[in-house]
Amino acid sequence: MRDDDDFEDDRDFDDEDDSVDAKVWQLLLLVNPGDEETALLQFSDYREAVADLDPDEVEPIDVIGRVIDWRSGFIIGVQDLRSLVQAVNELSSRWNLSIDWNGDPDDDEFYDDMDAAELFSIAYDRLAEFGYTLWSWETDGDTVAGCITLTRDNEPMRELATVLGINLRLGRDVG
């Protein structure tokens, strides 16, 4: 078992530790800016989830998506627009941010001309104003998934996604 000290949030990738676990740890730090405790709990959940699996059969994003769901990320049905708004609002509230959705998401009519791509785009633009980036990753089926990082961490996030085989895109590019 690893010590907490084995993983540092130094934003530089350790060339000597290119393990999937090390990359997952770094990604969890990015989706939990300023909250290493939550990242550590999620990393523990990740390690537990993959402990008995063949490493060649593990898709890291599938497990990561489950361990961060509704805490540092979300996976929502593409037609469940209310839950999408709720999830983004919940994640944003971790930094005392609120999203101006250009309307009232509590009003049923708000969703009449909306789709997930448009909601992602609105949230992306609003979060960018405060130095945060809303991301989406490719999912199987009729779901959308996402997380939020600090904008300054966009490049490390892209690099980690590439290494981990995650088809990641900016929230404004969902569609």
N, C-alpha and C. Protein backbone atom coordinates (compact mmCIF):
# COMPACT_ATOMS: atom_id res chain seq x y z
N MET A 1 0.85 -1.18 0.00
CA MET A 1 0.00 0.00 0.00
C MET A 1 0.89 1.24 0.00
N ARG A 2 0.46 2.25 -0.73
CA ARG A 2 1.24 3.46 -0.85
C ARG A 2 0.90 4.45 0.24
N ASP A 3 1.89 5.24 0.61
CA ASP A 3 1.68 6.37 1.51
C ASP A 3 1.07 7.51 0.75
N ASP A 4 0.40 8.41 1.47
CA ASP A 4 -0.11 9.63 0.84
C ASP A 4 1.02 10.42 0.23
N ASP A 5 2.22 10.32 0.80
CA ASP A 5 3.36 11.11 0.35
C ASP A 5 3.91 10.64 -0.99
N ASP A 6 3.48 9.47 -1.45
CA ASP A 6 3.98 8.96 -2.73
C ASP A 6 3.49 9.78 -3.91
N PHE A 7 2.44 10.56 -3.70
CA PHE A 7 1.86 11.36 -4.77
C PHE A 7 1.88 12.81 -4.37
N GLU A 8 2.51 13.61 -5.18
CA GLU A 8 2.58 15.04 -4.90
C GLU A 8 1.90 15.79 -6.03
N ASP A 9 1.28 16.89 -5.68
CA ASP A 9 0.60 17.73 -6.66
C ASP A 9 1.57 18.79 -7.16
N ASP A 10 2.59 18.36 -7.91
CA ASP A 10 3.60 19.30 -8.36
C ASP A 10 3.39 19.73 -9.81
N ARG A 11 2.31 19.30 -10.44
CA ARG A 11 1.93 19.65 -11.80
C ARG A 11 2.91 19.14 -12.86
N ASP A 12 4.03 18.57 -12.47
CA ASP A 12 4.95 17.97 -13.43
C ASP A 12 4.81 16.46 -13.31
N PHE A 13 4.81 15.79 -14.44
CA PHE A 13 4.67 14.35 -14.39
C PHE A 13 6.01 13.73 -14.07
N ASP A 14 5.98 12.76 -13.18
CA ASP A 14 7.17 12.05 -12.76
C ASP A 14 7.53 11.05 -13.86
N ASP A 15 8.64 11.31 -14.53
CA ASP A 15 9.05 10.42 -15.62
C ASP A 15 9.32 9.00 -15.16
N GLU A 16 9.66 8.85 -13.89
CA GLU A 16 9.98 7.52 -13.38
C GLU A 16 8.74 6.73 -12.98
N ASP A 17 7.64 7.41 -12.74
CA ASP A 17 6.42 6.71 -12.38
C ASP A 17 5.36 7.03 -13.42
N ASP A 18 5.33 6.22 -14.46
CA ASP A 18 4.35 6.43 -15.51
C ASP A 18 3.21 5.42 -15.40
N SER A 19 3.02 4.89 -14.19
CA SER A 19 1.96 3.91 -14.00
C SER A 19 0.59 4.55 -14.17
N VAL A 20 -0.37 3.73 -14.48
CA VAL A 20 -1.74 4.20 -14.60
C VAL A 20 -2.19 4.79 -13.27
N ASP A 21 -1.83 4.13 -12.17
CA ASP A 21 -2.21 4.64 -10.84
C ASP A 21 -1.69 6.06 -10.63
N ALA A 22 -0.46 6.32 -10.99
CA ALA A 22 0.11 7.66 -10.81
C ALA A 22 -0.63 8.68 -11.65
N LYS A 23 -1.00 8.32 -12.86
CA LYS A 23 -1.73 9.23 -13.73
C LYS A 23 -3.15 9.47 -13.21
N VAL A 24 -3.79 8.43 -12.73
CA VAL A 24 -5.13 8.57 -12.15
C VAL A 24 -5.07 9.50 -10.94
N TRP A 25 -4.07 9.32 -10.10
CA TRP A 25 -3.90 10.18 -8.92
C TRP A 25 -3.76 11.65 -9.36
N GLN A 26 -2.95 11.89 -10.35
CA GLN A 26 -2.76 13.27 -10.83
C GLN A 26 -4.07 13.84 -11.38
N LEU A 27 -4.82 13.02 -12.10
CA LEU A 27 -6.09 13.48 -12.63
C LEU A 27 -7.07 13.79 -11.50
N LEU A 28 -7.11 12.96 -10.48
CA LEU A 28 -8.00 13.21 -9.35
C LEU A 28 -7.63 14.50 -8.62
N LEU A 29 -6.35 14.80 -8.55
CA LEU A 29 -5.95 16.08 -7.97
C LEU A 29 -6.46 17.25 -8.80
N LEU A 30 -6.45 17.10 -10.11
CA LEU A 30 -6.91 18.18 -10.99
C LEU A 30 -8.42 18.40 -10.90
N VAL A 31 -9.20 17.33 -10.75
CA VAL A 31 -10.65 17.50 -10.68
C VAL A 31 -11.12 17.83 -9.27
N ASN A 32 -10.19 17.91 -8.35
CA ASN A 32 -10.48 18.30 -6.97
C ASN A 32 -9.54 19.43 -6.56
N PRO A 33 -9.56 20.56 -7.27
CA PRO A 33 -8.59 21.62 -6.96
C PRO A 33 -8.71 22.09 -5.51
N GLY A 34 -7.58 22.04 -4.82
CA GLY A 34 -7.54 22.49 -3.43
C GLY A 34 -8.15 21.52 -2.45
N ASP A 35 -8.48 20.32 -2.87
CA ASP A 35 -9.14 19.35 -1.99
C ASP A 35 -8.47 17.98 -2.11
N GLU A 36 -7.25 17.90 -1.61
CA GLU A 36 -6.49 16.66 -1.69
C GLU A 36 -7.16 15.53 -0.92
N GLU A 37 -7.87 15.87 0.14
CA GLU A 37 -8.55 14.85 0.94
C GLU A 37 -9.58 14.09 0.11
N THR A 38 -10.39 14.82 -0.65
CA THR A 38 -11.38 14.17 -1.52
C THR A 38 -10.68 13.35 -2.60
N ALA A 39 -9.61 13.91 -3.18
CA ALA A 39 -8.85 13.18 -4.20
C ALA A 39 -8.32 11.87 -3.62
N LEU A 40 -7.83 11.92 -2.40
CA LEU A 40 -7.28 10.72 -1.76
C LEU A 40 -8.37 9.67 -1.52
N LEU A 41 -9.54 10.10 -1.07
CA LEU A 41 -10.66 9.17 -0.89
C LEU A 41 -11.07 8.53 -2.21
N GLN A 42 -11.13 9.35 -3.26
CA GLN A 42 -11.50 8.83 -4.57
C GLN A 42 -10.43 7.89 -5.11
N PHE A 43 -9.17 8.22 -4.86
CA PHE A 43 -8.09 7.35 -5.31
C PHE A 43 -8.17 5.99 -4.60
N SER A 44 -8.48 6.02 -3.33
CA SER A 44 -8.66 4.78 -2.58
C SER A 44 -9.81 3.97 -3.17
N ASP A 45 -10.91 4.63 -3.49
CA ASP A 45 -12.04 3.95 -4.13
C ASP A 45 -11.64 3.38 -5.49
N TYR A 46 -10.86 4.13 -6.24
CA TYR A 46 -10.38 3.67 -7.55
C TYR A 46 -9.54 2.41 -7.38
N ARG A 47 -8.56 2.47 -6.47
CA ARG A 47 -7.67 1.31 -6.27
C ARG A 47 -8.44 0.08 -5.83
N GLU A 48 -9.43 0.29 -4.96
CA GLU A 48 -10.26 -0.83 -4.50
C GLU A 48 -11.05 -1.42 -5.67
N ALA A 49 -11.57 -0.55 -6.54
CA ALA A 49 -12.39 -1.00 -7.66
C ALA A 49 -11.59 -1.80 -8.69
N VAL A 50 -10.32 -1.48 -8.86
CA VAL A 50 -9.51 -2.16 -9.88
C VAL A 50 -8.63 -3.27 -9.30
N ALA A 51 -8.65 -3.44 -8.00
CA ALA A 51 -7.74 -4.39 -7.34
C ALA A 51 -7.83 -5.80 -7.90
N ASP A 52 -9.02 -6.28 -8.18
CA ASP A 52 -9.19 -7.66 -8.63
C ASP A 52 -9.38 -7.79 -10.13
N LEU A 53 -9.18 -6.69 -10.86
CA LEU A 53 -9.38 -6.72 -12.31
C LEU A 53 -8.05 -6.89 -13.04
N ASP A 54 -8.12 -7.46 -14.22
CA ASP A 54 -6.96 -7.57 -15.09
C ASP A 54 -6.63 -6.16 -15.59
N PRO A 55 -5.42 -5.64 -15.34
CA PRO A 55 -5.08 -4.28 -15.74
C PRO A 55 -5.30 -4.00 -17.23
N ASP A 56 -5.17 -5.01 -18.06
CA ASP A 56 -5.36 -4.81 -19.50
C ASP A 56 -6.83 -4.63 -19.87
N GLU A 57 -7.73 -4.98 -18.96
CA GLU A 57 -9.15 -4.87 -19.24
C GLU A 57 -9.79 -3.65 -18.58
N VAL A 58 -9.01 -2.86 -17.85
CA VAL A 58 -9.54 -1.70 -17.13
C VAL A 58 -9.51 -0.48 -18.05
N GLU A 59 -10.66 0.14 -18.20
CA GLU A 59 -10.75 1.45 -18.85
C GLU A 59 -10.75 2.47 -17.72
N PRO A 60 -9.64 3.17 -17.50
CA PRO A 60 -9.56 4.06 -16.34
C PRO A 60 -10.73 5.03 -16.21
N ILE A 61 -11.22 5.60 -17.32
CA ILE A 61 -12.28 6.60 -17.21
C ILE A 61 -13.58 5.99 -16.71
N ASP A 62 -13.82 4.71 -17.01
CA ASP A 62 -15.03 4.08 -16.50
C ASP A 62 -15.02 4.03 -14.98
N VAL A 63 -13.88 3.67 -14.42
CA VAL A 63 -13.76 3.59 -12.96
C VAL A 63 -13.68 4.99 -12.36
N ILE A 64 -12.91 5.88 -12.98
CA ILE A 64 -12.81 7.25 -12.49
C ILE A 64 -14.19 7.89 -12.47
N GLY A 65 -14.94 7.73 -13.54
CA GLY A 65 -16.29 8.29 -13.61
C GLY A 65 -17.17 7.85 -12.45
N ARG A 66 -17.06 6.58 -12.08
CA ARG A 66 -17.86 6.07 -10.95
C ARG A 66 -17.39 6.65 -9.62
N VAL A 67 -16.09 6.77 -9.41
CA VAL A 67 -15.61 7.21 -8.09
C VAL A 67 -15.74 8.71 -7.89
N ILE A 68 -15.88 9.49 -8.97
CA ILE A 68 -16.03 10.94 -8.80
C ILE A 68 -17.48 11.39 -8.97
N ASP A 69 -18.37 10.48 -9.38
CA ASP A 69 -19.74 10.86 -9.71
C ASP A 69 -20.43 11.57 -8.56
N TRP A 70 -20.96 12.75 -8.86
CA TRP A 70 -21.70 13.63 -7.96
C TRP A 70 -20.83 14.18 -6.82
N ARG A 71 -19.52 13.97 -6.88
CA ARG A 71 -18.62 14.59 -5.91
C ARG A 71 -17.66 15.53 -6.62
N SER A 72 -17.11 15.08 -7.74
CA SER A 72 -16.15 15.87 -8.51
C SER A 72 -16.41 15.77 -10.00
N GLY A 73 -17.46 15.11 -10.37
CA GLY A 73 -17.83 14.92 -11.76
C GLY A 73 -19.25 14.41 -11.83
N PHE A 74 -19.68 14.09 -13.04
CA PHE A 74 -21.04 13.60 -13.21
C PHE A 74 -21.16 12.77 -14.47
N ILE A 75 -22.10 11.85 -14.44
CA ILE A 75 -22.52 11.09 -15.60
C ILE A 75 -24.05 11.14 -15.55
N ILE A 76 -24.64 11.76 -16.57
CA ILE A 76 -26.07 12.06 -16.57
C ILE A 76 -26.67 11.60 -17.90
N GLY A 77 -27.90 11.16 -17.86
CA GLY A 77 -28.61 10.85 -19.10
C GLY A 77 -28.70 12.09 -19.97
N VAL A 78 -28.42 11.95 -21.24
CA VAL A 78 -28.36 13.10 -22.16
C VAL A 78 -29.69 13.86 -22.21
N GLN A 79 -30.78 13.21 -21.94
CA GLN A 79 -32.09 13.87 -21.95
C GLN A 79 -32.47 14.44 -20.58
N ASP A 80 -31.71 14.11 -19.54
CA ASP A 80 -32.03 14.55 -18.18
C ASP A 80 -31.38 15.91 -17.91
N LEU A 81 -31.92 16.94 -18.54
CA LEU A 81 -31.34 18.27 -18.48
C LEU A 81 -31.39 18.87 -17.07
N ARG A 82 -32.44 18.57 -16.33
CA ARG A 82 -32.52 19.07 -14.95
C ARG A 82 -31.36 18.54 -14.11
N SER A 83 -31.08 17.26 -14.24
CA SER A 83 -29.97 16.67 -13.47
C SER A 83 -28.63 17.23 -13.92
N LEU A 84 -28.50 17.53 -15.20
CA LEU A 84 -27.26 18.13 -15.69
C LEU A 84 -27.04 19.49 -15.03
N VAL A 85 -28.07 20.32 -15.01
CA VAL A 85 -27.97 21.63 -14.36
C VAL A 85 -27.67 21.44 -12.87
N GLN A 86 -28.37 20.52 -12.25
CA GLN A 86 -28.16 20.27 -10.82
C GLN A 86 -26.73 19.81 -10.55
N ALA A 87 -26.20 18.92 -11.37
CA ALA A 87 -24.83 18.43 -11.17
C ALA A 87 -23.81 19.54 -11.33
N VAL A 88 -23.94 20.35 -12.37
CA VAL A 88 -23.00 21.46 -12.58
C VAL A 88 -23.11 22.47 -11.44
N ASN A 89 -24.33 22.75 -11.01
CA ASN A 89 -24.51 23.67 -9.88
C ASN A 89 -23.86 23.11 -8.61
N GLU A 90 -24.04 21.83 -8.38
CA GLU A 90 -23.46 21.18 -7.19
C GLU A 90 -21.93 21.26 -7.21
N LEU A 91 -21.35 20.93 -8.35
CA LEU A 91 -19.89 20.99 -8.46
C LEU A 91 -19.39 22.42 -8.31
N SER A 92 -20.06 23.37 -8.92
CA SER A 92 -19.66 24.77 -8.86
C SER A 92 -19.75 25.32 -7.44
N SER A 93 -20.68 24.83 -6.69
CA SER A 93 -20.86 25.33 -5.32
C SER A 93 -19.68 24.98 -4.43
N ARG A 94 -18.86 24.02 -4.84
CA ARG A 94 -17.67 23.69 -4.04
C ARG A 94 -16.74 24.89 -3.93
N TRP A 95 -16.82 25.82 -4.90
CA TRP A 95 -15.98 27.02 -4.89
C TRP A 95 -16.83 28.28 -4.74
N ASN A 96 -18.03 28.09 -4.18
CA ASN A 96 -18.96 29.20 -3.95
C ASN A 96 -19.30 29.95 -5.24
N LEU A 97 -19.41 29.21 -6.34
CA LEU A 97 -19.79 29.79 -7.62
C LEU A 97 -21.22 29.39 -7.94
N SER A 98 -21.92 30.28 -8.62
CA SER A 98 -23.24 29.92 -9.12
C SER A 98 -23.29 30.27 -10.61
N ILE A 99 -23.96 29.46 -11.34
CA ILE A 99 -24.04 29.60 -12.79
C ILE A 99 -25.28 30.42 -13.15
N ASP A 100 -25.09 31.43 -13.99
CA ASP A 100 -26.21 32.15 -14.58
C ASP A 100 -26.56 31.40 -15.86
N TRP A 101 -27.67 30.71 -15.84
CA TRP A 101 -28.06 29.84 -16.94
C TRP A 101 -28.83 30.58 -18.04
N ASN A 102 -28.87 31.88 -17.99
CA ASN A 102 -29.63 32.68 -18.96
C ASN A 102 -31.12 32.35 -18.92
N GLY A 103 -31.59 32.09 -17.74
CA GLY A 103 -33.00 31.76 -17.53
C GLY A 103 -33.13 31.05 -16.19
N ASP A 104 -34.33 30.63 -15.89
CA ASP A 104 -34.61 29.99 -14.61
C ASP A 104 -34.74 28.48 -14.78
N PRO A 105 -33.71 27.73 -14.36
CA PRO A 105 -33.77 26.27 -14.51
C PRO A 105 -34.86 25.60 -13.66
N ASP A 106 -35.47 26.36 -12.74
CA ASP A 106 -36.58 25.81 -11.96
C ASP A 106 -37.90 25.89 -12.73
N ASP A 107 -37.90 26.62 -13.82
CA ASP A 107 -39.08 26.79 -14.67
C ASP A 107 -39.06 25.72 -15.76
N ASP A 108 -40.15 24.98 -15.88
CA ASP A 108 -40.23 23.91 -16.88
C ASP A 108 -39.97 24.41 -18.29
N GLU A 109 -40.41 25.61 -18.59
CA GLU A 109 -40.26 26.15 -19.94
C GLU A 109 -38.79 26.45 -20.29
N PHE A 110 -37.95 26.58 -19.29
CA PHE A 110 -36.52 26.83 -19.52
C PHE A 110 -35.92 25.75 -20.42
N TYR A 111 -36.37 24.53 -20.25
CA TYR A 111 -35.78 23.39 -20.95
C TYR A 111 -36.39 23.13 -22.33
N ASP A 112 -37.44 23.89 -22.69
CA ASP A 112 -38.14 23.63 -23.94
C ASP A 112 -37.22 23.68 -25.16
N ASP A 113 -36.35 24.65 -25.23
CA ASP A 113 -35.47 24.80 -26.39
C ASP A 113 -34.02 24.52 -26.06
N MET A 114 -33.76 23.75 -25.01
CA MET A 114 -32.40 23.45 -24.57
C MET A 114 -32.04 22.01 -24.90
N ASP A 115 -30.75 21.77 -25.00
CA ASP A 115 -30.23 20.41 -25.04
C ASP A 115 -28.95 20.40 -24.21
N ALA A 116 -28.39 19.22 -24.02
CA ALA A 116 -27.22 19.09 -23.17
C ALA A 116 -26.05 19.92 -23.70
N ALA A 117 -25.86 19.95 -25.01
CA ALA A 117 -24.75 20.71 -25.59
C ALA A 117 -24.86 22.19 -25.25
N GLU A 118 -26.06 22.74 -25.34
CA GLU A 118 -26.24 24.16 -25.04
C GLU A 118 -26.00 24.44 -23.55
N LEU A 119 -26.46 23.55 -22.68
CA LEU A 119 -26.23 23.73 -21.24
C LEU A 119 -24.74 23.65 -20.91
N PHE A 120 -24.04 22.71 -21.53
CA PHE A 120 -22.59 22.62 -21.34
C PHE A 120 -21.93 23.92 -21.76
N SER A 121 -22.33 24.45 -22.90
CA SER A 121 -21.72 25.67 -23.43
C SER A 121 -21.95 26.86 -22.49
N ILE A 122 -23.17 27.00 -21.99
CA ILE A 122 -23.46 28.08 -21.05
C ILE A 122 -22.60 27.94 -19.80
N ALA A 123 -22.58 26.73 -19.23
CA ALA A 123 -21.80 26.50 -18.01
C ALA A 123 -20.31 26.72 -18.26
N TYR A 124 -19.83 26.26 -19.40
CA TYR A 124 -18.41 26.46 -19.74
C TYR A 124 -18.06 27.95 -19.73
N ASP A 125 -18.87 28.75 -20.42
CA ASP A 125 -18.61 30.19 -20.50
C ASP A 125 -18.65 30.84 -19.12
N ARG A 126 -19.63 30.49 -18.30
CA ARG A 126 -19.75 31.10 -16.98
C ARG A 126 -18.59 30.70 -16.07
N LEU A 127 -18.22 29.45 -16.10
CA LEU A 127 -17.11 28.99 -15.25
C LEU A 127 -15.79 29.60 -15.69
N ALA A 128 -15.62 29.79 -16.99
CA ALA A 128 -14.38 30.39 -17.51
C ALA A 128 -14.17 31.79 -16.94
N GLU A 129 -15.26 32.50 -16.69
CA GLU A 129 -15.16 33.85 -16.12
C GLU A 129 -14.48 33.84 -14.76
N PHE A 130 -14.53 32.72 -14.07
CA PHE A 130 -13.97 32.60 -12.72
C PHE A 130 -12.68 31.77 -12.69
N GLY A 131 -12.16 31.41 -13.87
CA GLY A 131 -10.91 30.65 -13.93
C GLY A 131 -11.06 29.14 -13.82
N TYR A 132 -12.25 28.63 -14.19
CA TYR A 132 -12.49 27.19 -14.16
C TYR A 132 -12.88 26.70 -15.56
N THR A 133 -12.62 25.43 -15.81
CA THR A 133 -12.94 24.82 -17.09
C THR A 133 -13.87 23.64 -16.87
N LEU A 134 -14.97 23.64 -17.61
CA LEU A 134 -15.88 22.49 -17.62
C LEU A 134 -15.44 21.58 -18.76
N TRP A 135 -15.23 20.32 -18.42
CA TRP A 135 -14.80 19.31 -19.38
C TRP A 135 -15.92 18.30 -19.59
N SER A 136 -15.88 17.64 -20.72
CA SER A 136 -16.74 16.51 -21.01
C SER A 136 -15.88 15.38 -21.55
N TRP A 137 -16.28 14.16 -21.28
CA TRP A 137 -15.59 13.04 -21.90
C TRP A 137 -16.61 12.13 -22.56
N GLU A 138 -16.12 11.43 -23.56
CA GLU A 138 -16.97 10.54 -24.34
C GLU A 138 -17.45 9.39 -23.47
N THR A 139 -18.74 9.11 -23.60
CA THR A 139 -19.33 7.99 -22.87
C THR A 139 -20.01 7.06 -23.86
N ASP A 140 -20.29 5.87 -23.40
CA ASP A 140 -21.07 4.93 -24.21
C ASP A 140 -22.54 5.15 -23.88
N GLY A 141 -23.37 5.06 -24.87
CA GLY A 141 -24.80 5.15 -24.62
C GLY A 141 -25.32 6.57 -24.65
N ASP A 142 -26.42 6.75 -23.97
CA ASP A 142 -27.13 8.02 -23.99
C ASP A 142 -26.83 8.85 -22.75
N THR A 143 -25.56 9.03 -22.44
CA THR A 143 -25.17 9.82 -21.28
C THR A 143 -24.17 10.90 -21.69
N VAL A 144 -24.07 11.90 -20.84
CA VAL A 144 -23.02 12.91 -20.94
C VAL A 144 -22.28 12.88 -19.61
N ALA A 145 -21.00 13.20 -19.67
CA ALA A 145 -20.19 13.16 -18.46
C ALA A 145 -19.27 14.37 -18.43
N GLY A 146 -18.94 14.81 -17.24
CA GLY A 146 -18.06 15.96 -17.15
C GLY A 146 -17.47 16.14 -15.78
N CYS A 147 -16.56 17.10 -15.72
CA CYS A 147 -15.89 17.50 -14.49
C CYS A 147 -15.40 18.93 -14.66
N ILE A 148 -14.89 19.50 -13.58
CA ILE A 148 -14.42 20.88 -13.60
C ILE A 148 -13.00 20.92 -13.04
N THR A 149 -12.13 21.69 -13.69
CA THR A 149 -10.77 21.91 -13.20
C THR A 149 -10.49 23.41 -13.23
N LEU A 150 -9.37 23.77 -12.65
CA LEU A 150 -8.88 25.14 -12.80
C LEU A 150 -8.41 25.32 -14.23
N THR A 151 -8.67 26.47 -14.82
CA THR A 151 -8.26 26.72 -16.20
C THR A 151 -6.76 26.60 -16.37
N ARG A 152 -6.00 26.99 -15.36
CA ARG A 152 -4.54 26.89 -15.45
C ARG A 152 -4.07 25.44 -15.62
N ASP A 153 -4.95 24.49 -15.32
CA ASP A 153 -4.60 23.07 -15.42
C ASP A 153 -5.08 22.43 -16.72
N ASN A 154 -5.48 23.24 -17.70
CA ASN A 154 -5.99 22.67 -18.94
C ASN A 154 -4.97 21.78 -19.65
N GLU A 155 -3.74 22.24 -19.76
CA GLU A 155 -2.74 21.44 -20.47
C GLU A 155 -2.42 20.13 -19.74
N PRO A 156 -2.16 20.16 -18.42
CA PRO A 156 -1.95 18.87 -17.74
C PRO A 156 -3.16 17.95 -17.85
N MET A 157 -4.35 18.51 -17.83
CA MET A 157 -5.57 17.69 -17.96
C MET A 157 -5.61 17.02 -19.33
N ARG A 158 -5.30 17.77 -20.36
CA ARG A 158 -5.27 17.18 -21.72
C ARG A 158 -4.22 16.07 -21.81
N GLU A 159 -3.04 16.32 -21.25
CA GLU A 159 -1.96 15.33 -21.30
C GLU A 159 -2.36 14.05 -20.58
N LEU A 160 -2.93 14.20 -19.39
CA LEU A 160 -3.35 13.02 -18.63
C LEU A 160 -4.45 12.27 -19.37
N ALA A 161 -5.41 12.98 -19.93
CA ALA A 161 -6.48 12.34 -20.67
C ALA A 161 -5.93 11.52 -21.83
N THR A 162 -4.97 12.09 -22.54
CA THR A 162 -4.37 11.38 -23.66
C THR A 162 -3.68 10.10 -23.19
N VAL A 163 -2.89 10.21 -22.14
CA VAL A 163 -2.16 9.05 -21.61
C VAL A 163 -3.13 7.97 -21.12
N LEU A 164 -4.23 8.39 -20.51
CA LEU A 164 -5.20 7.44 -19.96
C LEU A 164 -6.23 6.97 -20.99
N GLY A 165 -6.14 7.45 -22.22
CA GLY A 165 -7.06 7.02 -23.26
C GLY A 165 -8.46 7.59 -23.11
N ILE A 166 -8.55 8.80 -22.55
CA ILE A 166 -9.84 9.45 -22.33
C ILE A 166 -10.08 10.43 -23.47
N ASN A 167 -11.21 10.31 -24.13
CA ASN A 167 -11.58 11.24 -25.19
C ASN A 167 -12.21 12.46 -24.52
N LEU A 168 -11.37 13.41 -24.13
CA LEU A 168 -11.78 14.58 -23.37
C LEU A 168 -11.93 15.78 -24.29
N ARG A 169 -12.94 16.59 -23.99
CA ARG A 169 -13.10 17.83 -24.77
C ARG A 169 -13.63 18.92 -23.84
N LEU A 170 -13.41 20.15 -24.26
CA LEU A 170 -13.91 21.28 -23.51
C LEU A 170 -15.44 21.26 -23.52
N GLY A 171 -16.03 21.75 -22.44
CA GLY A 171 -17.48 21.75 -22.33
C GLY A 171 -18.18 22.51 -23.44
N ARG A 172 -17.52 23.51 -23.99
CA ARG A 172 -18.14 24.27 -25.08
C ARG A 172 -18.17 23.49 -26.38
N ASP A 173 -17.44 22.37 -26.45
CA ASP A 173 -17.36 21.57 -27.68
C ASP A 173 -18.22 20.32 -27.65
N VAL A 174 -19.13 20.22 -26.67
CA VAL A 174 -20.02 19.07 -26.60
C VAL A 174 -21.05 19.21 -27.71
N GLY A 175 -21.36 18.13 -28.33
CA GLY A 175 -22.39 18.24 -29.35
C GLY A 175 -22.31 17.17 -30.29
